[in-house]
Amino acid sequence: MSELACLHAVVYGHVQGVNYRVATRRQAQSLGLVGWVRNQPDGSVEVVAEGARPRLQQLLNWLHVGPPSARVYEVHATWRDAESEFTHFTVRF
């Protein structure tokens, strides 16, 4: 079984108003991950996801690109142990 982990990422660029959150939720769900995504007041998007580390790495790779209308300039990512606090992946407001 793969190691379970938690990814915390903050995505910078033109990532609000371009369906970034919805596309992130879709991508995370397709990878079997749980957690959430939300817009931040500074224009960034914050993501917290838990699951198998290889799947989280796939999500992180995707976050660097995002949906076609997004322009990602930078992604800050940190890793920690999973706490199993989520049951599904949601968009937070």
PDB file of N, CA and C in Angstrom:
ATOM      1  N   MET A   1       0.842  -1.193   0.000  1.00  0.00           N
ATOM      2  CA  MET A   1       0.000   0.000   0.000  1.00  0.00           C
ATOM      3  C   MET A   1       0.882   1.249   0.000  1.00  0.00           C
ATOM      4  N   SER A   2       0.499   2.255  -0.756  1.00  0.00           N
ATOM      5  CA  SER A   2       1.270   3.485  -0.836  1.00  0.00           C
ATOM      6  C   SER A   2       1.154   4.275   0.455  1.00  0.00           C
ATOM      7  N   GLU A   3       2.212   5.016   0.742  1.00  0.00           N
ATOM      8  CA  GLU A   3       2.233   5.877   1.911  1.00  0.00           C
ATOM      9  C   GLU A   3       1.173   6.971   1.770  1.00  0.00           C
ATOM     10  N   LEU A   4       0.362   7.158   2.805  1.00  0.00           N
ATOM     11  CA  LEU A   4      -0.628   8.237   2.791  1.00  0.00           C
ATOM     12  C   LEU A   4       0.035   9.517   3.266  1.00  0.00           C
ATOM     13  N   ALA A   5      -0.298  10.608   2.608  1.00  0.00           N
ATOM     14  CA  ALA A   5       0.301  11.893   2.925  1.00  0.00           C
ATOM     15  C   ALA A   5      -0.720  12.994   2.716  1.00  0.00           C
ATOM     16  N   CYS A   6      -0.310  14.195   3.101  1.00  0.00           N
ATOM     17  CA  CYS A   6      -1.135  15.382   2.900  1.00  0.00           C
ATOM     18  C   CYS A   6      -0.290  16.413   2.157  1.00  0.00           C
ATOM     19  N   LEU A   7      -0.848  16.951   1.101  1.00  0.00           N
ATOM     20  CA  LEU A   7      -0.213  18.001   0.309  1.00  0.00           C
ATOM     21  C   LEU A   7      -0.929  19.312   0.583  1.00  0.00           C
ATOM     22  N   HIS A   8      -0.160  20.346   0.901  1.00  0.00           N
ATOM     23  CA  HIS A   8      -0.704  21.697   1.022  1.00  0.00           C
ATOM     24  C   HIS A   8      -0.008  22.521  -0.055  1.00  0.00           C
ATOM     25  N   ALA A   9      -0.777  23.123  -0.952  1.00  0.00           N
ATOM     26  CA  ALA A   9      -0.195  23.903  -2.047  1.00  0.00           C
ATOM     27  C   ALA A   9      -0.907  25.241  -2.177  1.00  0.00           C
ATOM     28  N   VAL A  10      -0.147  26.250  -2.527  1.00  0.00           N
ATOM     29  CA  VAL A  10      -0.689  27.561  -2.856  1.00  0.00           C
ATOM     30  C   VAL A  10      -0.219  27.873  -4.272  1.00  0.00           C
ATOM     31  N   VAL A  11      -1.196  28.145  -5.135  1.00  0.00           N
ATOM     32  CA  VAL A  11      -0.937  28.340  -6.557  1.00  0.00           C
ATOM     33  C   VAL A  11      -1.087  29.824  -6.884  1.00  0.00           C
ATOM     34  N   TYR A  12      -0.053  30.388  -7.531  1.00  0.00           N
ATOM     35  CA  TYR A  12      -0.039  31.805  -7.883  1.00  0.00           C
ATOM     36  C   TYR A  12      -0.086  31.971  -9.398  1.00  0.00           C
ATOM     37  N   GLY A  13      -0.717  33.040  -9.828  1.00  0.00           N
ATOM     38  CA  GLY A  13      -0.813  33.354 -11.248  1.00  0.00           C
ATOM     39  C   GLY A  13      -2.221  33.831 -11.561  1.00  0.00           C
ATOM     40  N   HIS A  14      -2.626  33.649 -12.807  1.00  0.00           N
ATOM     41  CA  HIS A  14      -4.004  33.965 -13.214  1.00  0.00           C
ATOM     42  C   HIS A  14      -4.812  32.683 -13.001  1.00  0.00           C
ATOM     43  N   VAL A  15      -5.260  32.494 -11.730  1.00  0.00           N
ATOM     44  CA  VAL A  15      -5.892  31.232 -11.342  1.00  0.00           C
ATOM     45  C   VAL A  15      -7.277  31.410 -10.716  1.00  0.00           C
ATOM     46  N   GLN A  16      -7.766  32.646 -10.647  1.00  0.00           N
ATOM     47  CA  GLN A  16      -9.127  32.874 -10.176  1.00  0.00           C
ATOM     48  C   GLN A  16      -9.966  33.360 -11.352  1.00  0.00           C
ATOM     49  N   GLY A  17     -11.229  32.905 -11.397  1.00  0.00           N
ATOM     50  CA  GLY A  17     -12.126  33.292 -12.477  1.00  0.00           C
ATOM     51  C   GLY A  17     -11.888  32.524 -13.765  1.00  0.00           C
ATOM     52  N   VAL A  18     -11.152  31.403 -13.664  1.00  0.00           N
ATOM     53  CA  VAL A  18     -10.839  30.602 -14.851  1.00  0.00           C
ATOM     54  C   VAL A  18     -11.176  29.122 -14.626  1.00  0.00           C
ATOM     55  N   ASN A  19     -12.079  28.858 -13.681  1.00  0.00           N
ATOM     56  CA  ASN A  19     -12.509  27.490 -13.336  1.00  0.00           C
ATOM     57  C   ASN A  19     -11.403  26.638 -12.731  1.00  0.00           C
ATOM     58  N   TYR A  20     -10.410  27.263 -12.130  1.00  0.00           N
ATOM     59  CA  TYR A  20      -9.299  26.524 -11.543  1.00  0.00           C
ATOM     60  C   TYR A  20      -9.771  25.627 -10.392  1.00  0.00           C
ATOM     61  N   ARG A  21     -10.632  26.153  -9.531  1.00  0.00           N
ATOM     62  CA  ARG A  21     -11.099  25.350  -8.388  1.00  0.00           C
ATOM     63  C   ARG A  21     -11.902  24.140  -8.837  1.00  0.00           C
ATOM     64  N   VAL A  22     -12.826  24.335  -9.756  1.00  0.00           N
ATOM     65  CA  VAL A  22     -13.663  23.236 -10.238  1.00  0.00           C
ATOM     66  C   VAL A  22     -12.802  22.186 -10.936  1.00  0.00           C
ATOM     67  N   ALA A  23     -11.858  22.652 -11.759  1.00  0.00           N
ATOM     68  CA  ALA A  23     -10.977  21.718 -12.464  1.00  0.00           C
ATOM     69  C   ALA A  23     -10.075  20.972 -11.481  1.00  0.00           C
ATOM     70  N   THR A  24      -9.635  21.651 -10.415  1.00  0.00           N
ATOM     71  CA  THR A  24      -8.813  20.994  -9.398  1.00  0.00           C
ATOM     72  C   THR A  24      -9.624  19.922  -8.674  1.00  0.00           C
ATOM     73  N   ARG A  25     -10.854  20.251  -8.324  1.00  0.00           N
ATOM     74  CA  ARG A  25     -11.710  19.251  -7.672  1.00  0.00           C
ATOM     75  C   ARG A  25     -11.890  18.033  -8.582  1.00  0.00           C
ATOM     76  N   ARG A  26     -12.163  18.265  -9.831  1.00  0.00           N
ATOM     77  CA  ARG A  26     -12.352  17.175 -10.795  1.00  0.00           C
ATOM     78  C   ARG A  26     -11.085  16.308 -10.885  1.00  0.00           C
ATOM     79  N   GLN A  27      -9.931  16.960 -10.978  1.00  0.00           N
ATOM     80  CA  GLN A  27      -8.662  16.238 -11.079  1.00  0.00           C
ATOM     81  C   GLN A  27      -8.402  15.425  -9.809  1.00  0.00           C
ATOM     82  N   ALA A  28      -8.614  16.040  -8.654  1.00  0.00           N
ATOM     83  CA  ALA A  28      -8.394  15.343  -7.378  1.00  0.00           C
ATOM     84  C   ALA A  28      -9.328  14.144  -7.243  1.00  0.00           C
ATOM     85  N   GLN A  29     -10.584  14.326  -7.592  1.00  0.00           N
ATOM     86  CA  GLN A  29     -11.544  13.222  -7.504  1.00  0.00           C
ATOM     87  C   GLN A  29     -11.152  12.093  -8.443  1.00  0.00           C
ATOM     88  N   SER A  30     -10.674  12.427  -9.630  1.00  0.00           N
ATOM     89  CA  SER A  30     -10.277  11.380 -10.579  1.00  0.00           C
ATOM     90  C   SER A  30      -9.072  10.593 -10.066  1.00  0.00           C
ATOM     91  N   LEU A  31      -8.284  11.200  -9.195  1.00  0.00           N
ATOM     92  CA  LEU A  31      -7.126  10.534  -8.608  1.00  0.00           C
ATOM     93  C   LEU A  31      -7.464   9.839  -7.288  1.00  0.00           C
ATOM     94  N   GLY A  32      -8.716   9.946  -6.841  1.00  0.00           N
ATOM     95  CA  GLY A  32      -9.131   9.305  -5.592  1.00  0.00           C
ATOM     96  C   GLY A  32      -8.645  10.031  -4.349  1.00  0.00           C
ATOM     97  N   LEU A  33      -8.437  11.347  -4.459  1.00  0.00           N
ATOM     98  CA  LEU A  33      -7.954  12.138  -3.334  1.00  0.00           C
ATOM     99  C   LEU A  33      -9.104  12.818  -2.608  1.00  0.00           C
ATOM    100  N   VAL A  34      -8.857  13.198  -1.369  1.00  0.00           N
ATOM    101  CA  VAL A  34      -9.837  13.934  -0.566  1.00  0.00           C
ATOM    102  C   VAL A  34      -9.193  15.213  -0.077  1.00  0.00           C
ATOM    103  N   GLY A  35     -10.032  16.219   0.249  1.00  0.00           N
ATOM    104  CA  GLY A  35      -9.522  17.485   0.746  1.00  0.00           C
ATOM    105  C   GLY A  35     -10.361  18.634   0.246  1.00  0.00           C
ATOM    106  N   TRP A  36      -9.710  19.766  -0.070  1.00  0.00           N
ATOM    107  CA  TRP A  36     -10.453  20.940  -0.526  1.00  0.00           C
ATOM    108  C   TRP A  36      -9.569  21.893  -1.322  1.00  0.00           C
ATOM    109  N   VAL A  37     -10.238  22.821  -2.002  1.00  0.00           N
ATOM    110  CA  VAL A  37      -9.592  23.894  -2.751  1.00  0.00           C
ATOM    111  C   VAL A  37     -10.391  25.166  -2.517  1.00  0.00           C
ATOM    112  N   ARG A  38      -9.693  26.324  -2.411  1.00  0.00           N
ATOM    113  CA  ARG A  38     -10.401  27.596  -2.230  1.00  0.00           C
ATOM    114  C   ARG A  38      -9.563  28.755  -2.758  1.00  0.00           C
ATOM    115  N   ASN A  39     -10.263  29.817  -3.140  1.00  0.00           N
ATOM    116  CA  ASN A  39      -9.611  31.063  -3.528  1.00  0.00           C
ATOM    117  C   ASN A  39      -9.123  31.776  -2.281  1.00  0.00           C
ATOM    118  N   GLN A  40      -8.019  32.501  -2.433  1.00  0.00           N
ATOM    119  CA  GLN A  40      -7.487  33.320  -1.355  1.00  0.00           C
ATOM    120  C   GLN A  40      -7.652  34.791  -1.736  1.00  0.00           C
ATOM    121  N   PRO A  41      -7.752  35.676  -0.740  1.00  0.00           N
ATOM    122  CA  PRO A  41      -7.944  37.105  -1.031  1.00  0.00           C
ATOM    123  C   PRO A  41      -6.832  37.729  -1.879  1.00  0.00           C
ATOM    124  N   ASP A  42      -5.625  37.163  -1.846  1.00  0.00           N
ATOM    125  CA  ASP A  42      -4.516  37.733  -2.611  1.00  0.00           C
ATOM    126  C   ASP A  42      -4.497  37.291  -4.074  1.00  0.00           C
ATOM    127  N   GLY A  43      -5.519  36.532  -4.509  1.00  0.00           N
ATOM    128  CA  GLY A  43      -5.602  36.087  -5.889  1.00  0.00           C
ATOM    129  C   GLY A  43      -5.050  34.694  -6.133  1.00  0.00           C
ATOM    130  N   SER A  44      -4.474  34.082  -5.105  1.00  0.00           N
ATOM    131  CA  SER A  44      -3.953  32.720  -5.236  1.00  0.00           C
ATOM    132  C   SER A  44      -5.061  31.707  -4.978  1.00  0.00           C
ATOM    133  N   VAL A  45      -4.745  30.446  -5.198  1.00  0.00           N
ATOM    134  CA  VAL A  45      -5.651  29.347  -4.895  1.00  0.00           C
ATOM    135  C   VAL A  45      -4.926  28.397  -3.945  1.00  0.00           C
ATOM    136  N   GLU A  46      -5.594  28.020  -2.868  1.00  0.00           N
ATOM    137  CA  GLU A  46      -5.028  27.121  -1.861  1.00  0.00           C
ATOM    138  C   GLU A  46      -5.650  25.742  -2.000  1.00  0.00           C
ATOM    139  N   VAL A  47      -4.813  24.714  -1.891  1.00  0.00           N
ATOM    140  CA  VAL A  47      -5.252  23.326  -2.034  1.00  0.00           C
ATOM    141  C   VAL A  47      -4.712  22.506  -0.873  1.00  0.00           C
ATOM    142  N   VAL A  48      -5.572  21.712  -0.250  1.00  0.00           N
ATOM    143  CA  VAL A  48      -5.156  20.717   0.736  1.00  0.00           C
ATOM    144  C   VAL A  48      -5.738  19.396   0.265  1.00  0.00           C
ATOM    145  N   ALA A  49      -4.860  18.405   0.086  1.00  0.00           N
ATOM    146  CA  ALA A  49      -5.314  17.104  -0.411  1.00  0.00           C
ATOM    147  C   ALA A  49      -4.617  15.990   0.345  1.00  0.00           C
ATOM    148  N   GLU A  50      -5.356  14.918   0.587  1.00  0.00           N
ATOM    149  CA  GLU A  50      -4.812  13.739   1.248  1.00  0.00           C
ATOM    150  C   GLU A  50      -5.026  12.522   0.372  1.00  0.00           C
ATOM    151  N   GLY A  51      -4.085  11.590   0.470  1.00  0.00           N
ATOM    152  CA  GLY A  51      -4.191  10.341  -0.271  1.00  0.00           C
ATOM    153  C   GLY A  51      -2.842   9.700  -0.434  1.00  0.00           C
ATOM    154  N   ALA A  52      -2.759   8.774  -1.368  1.00  0.00           N
ATOM    155  CA  ALA A  52      -1.501   8.093  -1.650  1.00  0.00           C
ATOM    156  C   ALA A  52      -0.508   9.103  -2.242  1.00  0.00           C
ATOM    157  N   ARG A  53       0.702   9.072  -1.744  1.00  0.00           N
ATOM    158  CA  ARG A  53       1.692  10.070  -2.168  1.00  0.00           C
ATOM    159  C   ARG A  53       1.908  10.111  -3.687  1.00  0.00           C
ATOM    160  N   PRO A  54       1.966   8.979  -4.404  1.00  0.00           N
ATOM    161  CA  PRO A  54       2.123   9.077  -5.860  1.00  0.00           C
ATOM    162  C   PRO A  54       0.966   9.806  -6.544  1.00  0.00           C
ATOM    163  N   ARG A  55      -0.242   9.625  -6.026  1.00  0.00           N
ATOM    164  CA  ARG A  55      -1.412  10.334  -6.586  1.00  0.00           C
ATOM    165  C   ARG A  55      -1.344  11.824  -6.266  1.00  0.00           C
ATOM    166  N   LEU A  56      -0.882  12.142  -5.053  1.00  0.00           N
ATOM    167  CA  LEU A  56      -0.715  13.548  -4.684  1.00  0.00           C
ATOM    168  C   LEU A  56       0.332  14.216  -5.569  1.00  0.00           C
ATOM    169  N   GLN A  57       1.387  13.483  -5.893  1.00  0.00           N
ATOM    170  CA  GLN A  57       2.409  14.030  -6.785  1.00  0.00           C
ATOM    171  C   GLN A  57       1.816  14.301  -8.159  1.00  0.00           C
ATOM    172  N   GLN A  58       0.921  13.430  -8.626  1.00  0.00           N
ATOM    173  CA  GLN A  58       0.242  13.663  -9.904  1.00  0.00           C
ATOM    174  C   GLN A  58      -0.585  14.940  -9.843  1.00  0.00           C
ATOM    175  N   LEU A  59      -1.303  15.135  -8.718  1.00  0.00           N
ATOM    176  CA  LEU A  59      -2.083  16.363  -8.556  1.00  0.00           C
ATOM    177  C   LEU A  59      -1.158  17.575  -8.547  1.00  0.00           C
ATOM    178  N   LEU A  60      -0.059  17.493  -7.825  1.00  0.00           N
ATOM    179  CA  LEU A  60       0.874  18.612  -7.767  1.00  0.00           C
ATOM    180  C   LEU A  60       1.401  18.952  -9.159  1.00  0.00           C
ATOM    181  N   ASN A  61       1.741  17.941  -9.935  1.00  0.00           N
ATOM    182  CA  ASN A  61       2.192  18.178 -11.308  1.00  0.00           C
ATOM    183  C   ASN A  61       1.111  18.904 -12.107  1.00  0.00           C
ATOM    184  N   TRP A  62      -0.148  18.485 -11.918  1.00  0.00           N
ATOM    185  CA  TRP A  62      -1.262  19.115 -12.619  1.00  0.00           C
ATOM    186  C   TRP A  62      -1.452  20.563 -12.157  1.00  0.00           C
ATOM    187  N   LEU A  63      -1.280  20.834 -10.853  1.00  0.00           N
ATOM    188  CA  LEU A  63      -1.454  22.190 -10.324  1.00  0.00           C
ATOM    189  C   LEU A  63      -0.511  23.186 -10.997  1.00  0.00           C
ATOM    190  N   HIS A  64       0.644  22.730 -11.435  1.00  0.00           N
ATOM    191  CA  HIS A  64       1.602  23.607 -12.110  1.00  0.00           C
ATOM    192  C   HIS A  64       1.103  24.058 -13.480  1.00  0.00           C
ATOM    193  N   VAL A  65       0.102  23.365 -14.014  1.00  0.00           N
ATOM    194  CA  VAL A  65      -0.446  23.689 -15.333  1.00  0.00           C
ATOM    195  C   VAL A  65      -1.870  24.218 -15.213  1.00  0.00           C
ATOM    196  N   GLY A  66      -2.733  23.457 -14.513  1.00  0.00           N
ATOM    197  CA  GLY A  66      -4.125  23.854 -14.326  1.00  0.00           C
ATOM    198  C   GLY A  66      -4.940  23.712 -15.599  1.00  0.00           C
ATOM    199  N   PRO A  67      -6.161  24.257 -15.598  1.00  0.00           N
ATOM    200  CA  PRO A  67      -7.024  24.187 -16.779  1.00  0.00           C
ATOM    201  C   PRO A  67      -6.479  25.109 -17.879  1.00  0.00           C
ATOM    202  N   PRO A  68      -6.959  24.937 -19.114  1.00  0.00           N
ATOM    203  CA  PRO A  68      -6.415  25.691 -20.246  1.00  0.00           C
ATOM    204  C   PRO A  68      -6.424  27.214 -20.091  1.00  0.00           C
ATOM    205  N   SER A  69      -7.424  27.768 -19.421  1.00  0.00           N
ATOM    206  CA  SER A  69      -7.512  29.229 -19.320  1.00  0.00           C
ATOM    207  C   SER A  69      -6.662  29.811 -18.189  1.00  0.00           C
ATOM    208  N   ALA A  70      -6.053  28.973 -17.370  1.00  0.00           N
ATOM    209  CA  ALA A  70      -5.219  29.440 -16.259  1.00  0.00           C
ATOM    210  C   ALA A  70      -3.797  29.719 -16.740  1.00  0.00           C
ATOM    211  N   ARG A  71      -3.124  30.586 -16.010  1.00  0.00           N
ATOM    212  CA  ARG A  71      -1.703  30.849 -16.221  1.00  0.00           C
ATOM    213  C   ARG A  71      -1.025  30.752 -14.855  1.00  0.00           C
ATOM    214  N   VAL A  72      -0.385  29.632 -14.608  1.00  0.00           N
ATOM    215  CA  VAL A  72       0.267  29.389 -13.320  1.00  0.00           C
ATOM    216  C   VAL A  72       1.696  29.895 -13.395  1.00  0.00           C
ATOM    217  N   TYR A  73       2.070  30.739 -12.423  1.00  0.00           N
ATOM    218  CA  TYR A  73       3.425  31.281 -12.372  1.00  0.00           C
ATOM    219  C   TYR A  73       4.278  30.587 -11.324  1.00  0.00           C
ATOM    220  N   GLU A  74       3.638  30.130 -10.250  1.00  0.00           N
ATOM    221  CA  GLU A  74       4.404  29.542  -9.153  1.00  0.00           C
ATOM    222  C   GLU A  74       3.481  28.686  -8.293  1.00  0.00           C
ATOM    223  N   VAL A  75       4.030  27.608  -7.740  1.00  0.00           N
ATOM    224  CA  VAL A  75       3.302  26.759  -6.802  1.00  0.00           C
ATOM    225  C   VAL A  75       4.206  26.506  -5.603  1.00  0.00           C
ATOM    226  N   HIS A  76       3.739  26.868  -4.418  1.00  0.00           N
ATOM    227  CA  HIS A  76       4.455  26.557  -3.177  1.00  0.00           C
ATOM    228  C   HIS A  76       3.786  25.330  -2.569  1.00  0.00           C
ATOM    229  N   ALA A  77       4.549  24.277  -2.356  1.00  0.00           N
ATOM    230  CA  ALA A  77       3.984  23.030  -1.838  1.00  0.00           C
ATOM    231  C   ALA A  77       4.741  22.566  -0.605  1.00  0.00           C
ATOM    232  N   THR A  78       3.982  22.062   0.354  1.00  0.00           N
ATOM    233  CA  THR A  78       4.568  21.432   1.540  1.00  0.00           C
ATOM    234  C   THR A  78       3.865  20.100   1.769  1.00  0.00           C
ATOM    235  N   TRP A  79       4.566  19.188   2.397  1.00  0.00           N
ATOM    236  CA  TRP A  79       4.057  17.840   2.662  1.00  0.00           C
ATOM    237  C   TRP A  79       4.015  17.594   4.160  1.00  0.00           C
ATOM    238  N   ARG A  80       3.025  16.813   4.578  1.00  0.00           N
ATOM    239  CA  ARG A  80       2.947  16.370   5.978  1.00  0.00           C
ATOM    240  C   ARG A  80       2.242  15.023   5.996  1.00  0.00           C
ATOM    241  N   ASP A  81       2.195  14.428   7.171  1.00  0.00           N
ATOM    242  CA  ASP A  81       1.488  13.159   7.314  1.00  0.00           C
ATOM    243  C   ASP A  81      -0.011  13.383   7.177  1.00  0.00           C
ATOM    244  N   ALA A  82      -0.689  12.432   6.594  1.00  0.00           N
ATOM    245  CA  ALA A  82      -2.152  12.511   6.465  1.00  0.00           C
ATOM    246  C   ALA A  82      -2.786  12.360   7.842  1.00  0.00           C
ATOM    247  N   GLU A  83      -3.861  13.096   8.055  1.00  0.00           N
ATOM    248  CA  GLU A  83      -4.608  13.015   9.309  1.00  0.00           C
ATOM    249  C   GLU A  83      -5.968  12.371   9.111  1.00  0.00           C
ATOM    250  N   SER A  84      -6.282  11.988   7.885  1.00  0.00           N
ATOM    251  CA  SER A  84      -7.551  11.338   7.540  1.00  0.00           C
ATOM    252  C   SER A  84      -8.745  12.138   8.032  1.00  0.00           C
ATOM    253  N   GLU A  85      -8.702  13.449   7.812  1.00  0.00           N
ATOM    254  CA  GLU A  85      -9.782  14.307   8.294  1.00  0.00           C
ATOM    255  C   GLU A  85     -10.843  14.594   7.246  1.00  0.00           C
ATOM    256  N   PHE A  86     -10.660  14.136   6.003  1.00  0.00           N
ATOM    257  CA  PHE A  86     -11.601  14.427   4.928  1.00  0.00           C
ATOM    258  C   PHE A  86     -12.237  13.141   4.415  1.00  0.00           C
ATOM    259  N   THR A  87     -13.463  13.283   3.896  1.00  0.00           N
ATOM    260  CA  THR A  87     -14.150  12.123   3.308  1.00  0.00           C
ATOM    261  C   THR A  87     -14.346  12.273   1.796  1.00  0.00           C
ATOM    262  N   HIS A  88     -14.214  13.504   1.271  1.00  0.00           N
ATOM    263  CA  HIS A  88     -14.339  13.760  -0.146  1.00  0.00           C
ATOM    264  C   HIS A  88     -13.587  15.045  -0.484  1.00  0.00           C
ATOM    265  N   PHE A  89     -13.567  15.431  -1.744  1.00  0.00           N
ATOM    266  CA  PHE A  89     -12.862  16.641  -2.161  1.00  0.00           C
ATOM    267  C   PHE A  89     -13.881  17.712  -2.501  1.00  0.00           C
ATOM    268  N   THR A  90     -13.751  18.889  -1.884  1.00  0.00           N
ATOM    269  CA  THR A  90     -14.742  19.951  -2.039  1.00  0.00           C
ATOM    270  C   THR A  90     -14.109  21.271  -2.475  1.00  0.00           C
ATOM    271  N   VAL A  91     -14.948  22.139  -2.997  1.00  0.00           N
ATOM    272  CA  VAL A  91     -14.583  23.534  -3.235  1.00  0.00           C
ATOM    273  C   VAL A  91     -15.097  24.318  -2.042  1.00  0.00           C
ATOM    274  N   ARG A  92     -14.208  25.027  -1.386  1.00  0.00           N
ATOM    275  CA  ARG A  92     -14.604  25.870  -0.247  1.00  0.00           C
ATOM    276  C   ARG A  92     -14.731  27.307  -0.709  1.00  0.00           C
ATOM    277  N   PHE A  93     -15.643  28.031  -0.043  1.00  0.00           N
ATOM    278  CA  PHE A  93     -15.871  29.439  -0.368  1.00  0.00           C
ATOM    279  C   PHE A  93     -15.558  30.306   0.816  1.00  0.00           C
TER     280      PHE A  93
END
